[in-house]
Amino acid sequence: MTIGTTDGDSVWAFRYSSEGKSRTLYYSTDVSALRELYPERERLREVSDETRVIVSEPLGDLPGVWNEVPESSYGVVREGEDELHPFRPR
């Protein structure tokens, strides 16, 4: 399974399979780091430092933009520092 859900302030994204072969899930790199990598990209100047994108497959092929969520993990995106943790259902 790959699941994304939100309460309007935080986004939770899960990647898990009891067989260890769940579909892929990716998150975007911190926008401030992307601005350094791609200063010519106008779109990156238009979004907040807090902007993150979570997708099932990378959008485009720019190096350094997409990070794969590890198998059996979940992430929390909210204002401030993002989190990535192991996920083990009970």
Protein backbone atom coordinates (compact mmCIF):
# COMPACT_ATOMS: atom_id res chain seq x y z
CA MET A 1 0.00 0.00 0.00
CA THR A 2 0.96 3.60 -0.43
CA ILE A 3 -1.26 6.08 1.36
CA GLY A 4 -1.25 9.83 1.79
CA THR A 5 -3.59 11.67 4.13
CA THR A 6 -3.84 15.09 5.74
CA ASP A 7 -5.60 16.99 8.51
CA GLY A 8 -5.00 20.33 6.78
CA ASP A 9 -1.83 21.09 8.76
CA SER A 10 0.19 17.89 8.39
CA VAL A 11 0.51 15.27 5.66
CA TRP A 12 1.24 11.63 6.44
CA ALA A 13 2.53 9.31 3.72
CA PHE A 14 2.93 5.55 4.21
CA ARG A 15 4.67 2.89 2.15
CA TYR A 16 4.18 -0.68 3.30
CA SER A 17 3.66 -4.24 2.07
CA SER A 18 3.61 -7.38 4.18
CA GLU A 19 5.59 -8.97 1.33
CA GLY A 20 8.12 -6.12 1.28
CA LYS A 21 7.27 -5.16 -2.31
CA SER A 22 4.97 -2.14 -2.07
CA ARG A 23 4.56 0.32 -4.91
CA THR A 24 6.96 3.24 -4.95
CA LEU A 25 6.45 6.54 -3.16
CA TYR A 26 8.60 9.66 -3.54
CA TYR A 27 8.90 13.05 -1.84
CA SER A 28 10.51 16.22 -3.11
CA THR A 29 13.74 17.59 -1.72
CA ASP A 30 13.62 20.68 0.51
CA VAL A 31 12.82 23.70 -1.69
CA SER A 32 15.72 25.81 -0.38
CA ALA A 33 18.15 23.06 -1.46
CA LEU A 34 16.44 22.84 -4.86
CA ARG A 35 16.82 26.60 -5.34
CA GLU A 36 20.57 26.17 -4.87
CA LEU A 37 20.68 23.27 -7.34
CA TYR A 38 18.48 24.99 -9.94
CA PRO A 39 18.66 28.79 -9.51
CA GLU A 40 17.32 29.29 -13.05
CA ARG A 41 13.99 27.57 -12.22
CA GLU A 42 11.47 30.38 -11.73
CA ARG A 43 8.84 28.03 -10.27
CA LEU A 44 11.08 27.32 -7.26
CA ARG A 45 11.09 31.03 -6.37
CA GLU A 46 7.28 31.06 -6.42
CA VAL A 47 6.72 28.39 -3.73
CA SER A 48 7.17 28.45 0.03
CA ASP A 49 10.19 26.90 1.74
CA GLU A 50 7.66 24.57 3.39
CA THR A 51 6.40 23.19 0.05
CA ARG A 52 6.75 19.43 -0.45
CA VAL A 53 5.33 17.16 -3.12
CA ILE A 54 4.53 13.48 -2.52
CA VAL A 55 4.00 11.31 -5.60
CA SER A 56 3.87 7.66 -6.60
CA GLU A 57 6.44 8.19 -9.37
CA PRO A 58 8.93 11.04 -9.92
CA LEU A 59 7.68 13.95 -12.01
CA GLY A 60 10.50 14.68 -14.43
CA ASP A 61 14.09 13.57 -14.21
CA LEU A 62 16.03 16.45 -12.64
CA PRO A 63 18.77 14.98 -10.43
CA GLY A 64 18.36 15.63 -6.71
CA VAL A 65 14.65 16.51 -6.82
CA TRP A 66 13.06 13.19 -5.82
CA ASN A 67 13.74 10.92 -2.85
CA GLU A 68 12.25 7.45 -2.57
CA VAL A 69 10.42 6.67 0.66
CA PRO A 70 12.03 3.46 1.95
CA GLU A 71 9.96 0.28 2.09
CA SER A 72 8.03 -0.08 5.39
CA SER A 73 8.28 3.62 6.25
CA TYR A 74 6.10 6.63 6.82
CA GLY A 75 6.78 10.33 6.69
CA VAL A 76 5.18 13.37 8.26
CA VAL A 77 5.33 16.71 6.48
CA ARG A 78 4.36 19.82 8.42
CA GLU A 79 5.67 23.30 9.08
CA GLY A 80 9.18 22.97 10.46
CA GLU A 81 11.25 19.82 10.18
CA ASP A 82 9.86 16.84 8.24
CA GLU A 83 10.05 13.32 9.69
CA LEU A 84 10.71 9.85 8.26
CA HIS A 85 10.19 6.73 10.43
CA PRO A 86 9.97 2.95 10.10
CA PHE A 87 6.41 1.60 9.83
CA ARG A 88 5.50 -1.72 11.40
CA PRO A 89 1.78 -2.41 11.82
CA ARG A 90 0.69 -4.34 14.91
